[in-house]
Amino acid sequence: MTTDSLLLAFPNFVKSQSIEIDILRKLDRALESVSSEPSQNTEETLNEWLCNHEDITDRLREFEENTREITKVKAPQPKTGVANVFQELREAVKQKLKEIENGK
């Protein structure tokens, strides 16, 4: 399970924010490369990817802080497994790529 708030916010960030298609493709390749890896490797890969894309990390951090303020009123969220976050993120990236490519 992960409690990393940035990783937990990452799928919603991808769904709701404007991200360059090249960045999404790089993220998709990174996700694909760890699709059969253990959860620990997946979390490490996502954290490494974020470290290598500081502009996205900064925007994600701001997004996470803003959404955390909004959700303080709601009941606390349970810890989420890395596999669940990974799957949700993978689906969000694929959907966003499809939307961008069909929009061209």
C-alpha atoms as a PDB file:
ATOM      1  CA  MET A   1       0.000   0.000   0.000  1.00  0.00           C
ATOM      2  CA  THR A   2       1.106   3.523  -0.635  1.00  0.00           C
ATOM      3  CA  THR A   3       0.463   6.624   1.371  1.00  0.00           C
ATOM      4  CA  ASP A   4       2.452   8.831  -0.995  1.00  0.00           C
ATOM      5  CA  SER A   5      -0.001  11.647  -1.597  1.00  0.00           C
ATOM      6  CA  LEU A   6       1.600  12.630  -4.916  1.00  0.00           C
ATOM      7  CA  LEU A   7       1.244   9.121  -6.320  1.00  0.00           C
ATOM      8  CA  LEU A   8      -2.330   8.916  -5.070  1.00  0.00           C
ATOM      9  CA  ALA A   9      -3.163  12.226  -6.791  1.00  0.00           C
ATOM     10  CA  PHE A  10      -1.339  11.354 -10.031  1.00  0.00           C
ATOM     11  CA  PRO A  11      -4.264   9.612 -11.832  1.00  0.00           C
ATOM     12  CA  ASN A  12      -6.661  12.509 -11.162  1.00  0.00           C
ATOM     13  CA  PHE A  13      -3.960  14.974 -12.176  1.00  0.00           C
ATOM     14  CA  VAL A  14      -3.528  13.226 -15.538  1.00  0.00           C
ATOM     15  CA  LYS A  15      -7.295  13.120 -16.077  1.00  0.00           C
ATOM     16  CA  SER A  16      -7.902  16.789 -15.323  1.00  0.00           C
ATOM     17  CA  GLN A  17      -4.770  18.677 -16.345  1.00  0.00           C
ATOM     18  CA  SER A  18      -3.340  19.668 -19.694  1.00  0.00           C
ATOM     19  CA  ILE A  19      -0.180  17.661 -20.363  1.00  0.00           C
ATOM     20  CA  GLU A  20       1.925  17.659 -23.512  1.00  0.00           C
ATOM     21  CA  ILE A  21       1.483  14.561 -25.641  1.00  0.00           C
ATOM     22  CA  ASP A  22       5.231  13.816 -25.633  1.00  0.00           C
ATOM     23  CA  ILE A  23       5.238  13.774 -21.827  1.00  0.00           C
ATOM     24  CA  LEU A  24       2.198  11.477 -21.801  1.00  0.00           C
ATOM     25  CA  ARG A  25       3.893   9.118 -24.238  1.00  0.00           C
ATOM     26  CA  LYS A  26       7.006   8.973 -22.049  1.00  0.00           C
ATOM     27  CA  LEU A  27       4.853   8.261 -19.023  1.00  0.00           C
ATOM     28  CA  ASP A  28       2.962   5.581 -20.949  1.00  0.00           C
ATOM     29  CA  ARG A  29       6.248   3.890 -21.891  1.00  0.00           C
ATOM     30  CA  ALA A  30       7.437   4.029 -18.274  1.00  0.00           C
ATOM     31  CA  LEU A  31       4.165   2.506 -17.080  1.00  0.00           C
ATOM     32  CA  GLU A  32       4.333  -0.180 -19.728  1.00  0.00           C
ATOM     33  CA  SER A  33       7.885  -1.084 -18.729  1.00  0.00           C
ATOM     34  CA  VAL A  34       6.820  -1.875 -15.155  1.00  0.00           C
ATOM     35  CA  SER A  35       3.417  -3.394 -15.849  1.00  0.00           C
ATOM     36  CA  SER A  36       4.562  -6.839 -14.715  1.00  0.00           C
ATOM     37  CA  GLU A  37       6.887  -5.659 -11.940  1.00  0.00           C
ATOM     38  CA  PRO A  38       6.265  -5.981  -8.194  1.00  0.00           C
ATOM     39  CA  SER A  39       4.530  -3.032  -6.521  1.00  0.00           C
ATOM     40  CA  GLN A  40       7.742  -1.766  -4.927  1.00  0.00           C
ATOM     41  CA  ASN A  41       9.443  -1.485  -8.336  1.00  0.00           C
ATOM     42  CA  THR A  42       6.387   0.253  -9.748  1.00  0.00           C
ATOM     43  CA  GLU A  43       6.376   2.865  -7.004  1.00  0.00           C
ATOM     44  CA  GLU A  44      10.126   3.421  -7.415  1.00  0.00           C
ATOM     45  CA  THR A  45       9.730   3.819 -11.182  1.00  0.00           C
ATOM     46  CA  LEU A  46       6.913   6.338 -10.796  1.00  0.00           C
ATOM     47  CA  ASN A  47       8.898   8.323  -8.245  1.00  0.00           C
ATOM     48  CA  GLU A  48      11.964   8.255 -10.499  1.00  0.00           C
ATOM     49  CA  TRP A  49       9.852   9.382 -13.470  1.00  0.00           C
ATOM     50  CA  LEU A  50       8.513  12.281 -11.429  1.00  0.00           C
ATOM     51  CA  CYS A  51      12.046  13.241 -10.344  1.00  0.00           C
ATOM     52  CA  ASN A  52      13.086  13.345 -13.995  1.00  0.00           C
ATOM     53  CA  HIS A  53      10.099  15.550 -14.908  1.00  0.00           C
ATOM     54  CA  GLU A  54      10.296  18.363 -12.379  1.00  0.00           C
ATOM     55  CA  ASP A  55       7.791  20.557 -14.220  1.00  0.00           C
ATOM     56  CA  ILE A  56       5.140  17.829 -13.909  1.00  0.00           C
ATOM     57  CA  THR A  57       6.142  17.156 -10.306  1.00  0.00           C
ATOM     58  CA  ASP A  58       5.728  20.834  -9.409  1.00  0.00           C
ATOM     59  CA  ARG A  59       2.314  20.986 -11.065  1.00  0.00           C
ATOM     60  CA  LEU A  60       1.308  17.669  -9.452  1.00  0.00           C
ATOM     61  CA  ARG A  61       2.381  18.917  -6.023  1.00  0.00           C
ATOM     62  CA  GLU A  62       0.285  22.074  -6.450  1.00  0.00           C
ATOM     63  CA  PHE A  63      -2.670  19.994  -7.706  1.00  0.00           C
ATOM     64  CA  GLU A  64      -2.364  17.598  -4.769  1.00  0.00           C
ATOM     65  CA  GLU A  65      -2.231  20.450  -2.254  1.00  0.00           C
ATOM     66  CA  ASN A  66      -5.310  22.084  -3.765  1.00  0.00           C
ATOM     67  CA  THR A  67      -7.297  18.858  -3.851  1.00  0.00           C
ATOM     68  CA  ARG A  68      -6.197  17.976  -0.327  1.00  0.00           C
ATOM     69  CA  GLU A  69      -7.662  21.271   0.906  1.00  0.00           C
ATOM     70  CA  ILE A  70     -10.944  20.464  -0.837  1.00  0.00           C
ATOM     71  CA  THR A  71     -11.136  16.905   0.473  1.00  0.00           C
ATOM     72  CA  LYS A  72     -10.353  17.796   4.100  1.00  0.00           C
ATOM     73  CA  VAL A  73     -14.083  18.125   4.608  1.00  0.00           C
ATOM     74  CA  LYS A  74     -14.709  14.596   3.352  1.00  0.00           C
ATOM     75  CA  ALA A  75     -14.029  11.363   5.229  1.00  0.00           C
ATOM     76  CA  PRO A  76     -10.374  10.283   5.191  1.00  0.00           C
ATOM     77  CA  GLN A  77      -9.432   8.091   2.265  1.00  0.00           C
ATOM     78  CA  PRO A  78      -8.101   4.595   2.958  1.00  0.00           C
ATOM     79  CA  LYS A  79      -4.607   3.627   1.941  1.00  0.00           C
ATOM     80  CA  THR A  80      -4.533   2.497  -1.652  1.00  0.00           C
ATOM     81  CA  GLY A  81      -2.445  -0.270  -3.102  1.00  0.00           C
ATOM     82  CA  VAL A  82       0.236   0.723  -5.573  1.00  0.00           C
ATOM     83  CA  ALA A  83      -1.295  -1.712  -8.061  1.00  0.00           C
ATOM     84  CA  ASN A  84      -4.616   0.154  -7.876  1.00  0.00           C
ATOM     85  CA  VAL A  85      -2.951   3.539  -8.340  1.00  0.00           C
ATOM     86  CA  PHE A  86      -0.839   2.129 -11.161  1.00  0.00           C
ATOM     87  CA  GLN A  87      -3.895   0.696 -12.955  1.00  0.00           C
ATOM     88  CA  GLU A  88      -5.870   3.907 -12.569  1.00  0.00           C
ATOM     89  CA  LEU A  89      -2.909   5.974 -13.771  1.00  0.00           C
ATOM     90  CA  ARG A  90      -2.327   3.691 -16.744  1.00  0.00           C
ATOM     91  CA  GLU A  91      -5.984   3.985 -17.784  1.00  0.00           C
ATOM     92  CA  ALA A  92      -5.930   7.778 -17.343  1.00  0.00           C
ATOM     93  CA  VAL A  93      -2.809   8.116 -19.518  1.00  0.00           C
ATOM     94  CA  LYS A  94      -4.246   5.886 -22.260  1.00  0.00           C
ATOM     95  CA  GLN A  95      -7.540   7.827 -22.230  1.00  0.00           C
ATOM     96  CA  LYS A  96      -5.798  11.207 -22.309  1.00  0.00           C
ATOM     97  CA  LEU A  97      -3.554  10.106 -25.201  1.00  0.00           C
ATOM     98  CA  LYS A  98      -6.593   8.887 -27.107  1.00  0.00           C
ATOM     99  CA  GLU A  99      -8.406  12.194 -26.533  1.00  0.00           C
ATOM    100  CA  ILE A 100      -5.407  14.243 -27.695  1.00  0.00           C
ATOM    101  CA  GLU A 101      -4.741  12.085 -30.739  1.00  0.00           C
ATOM    102  CA  ASN A 102      -8.419  12.101 -31.788  1.00  0.00           C
ATOM    103  CA  GLY A 103      -8.573  15.844 -31.277  1.00  0.00           C
ATOM    104  CA  LYS A 104      -5.859  16.476 -33.851  1.00  0.00           C
END
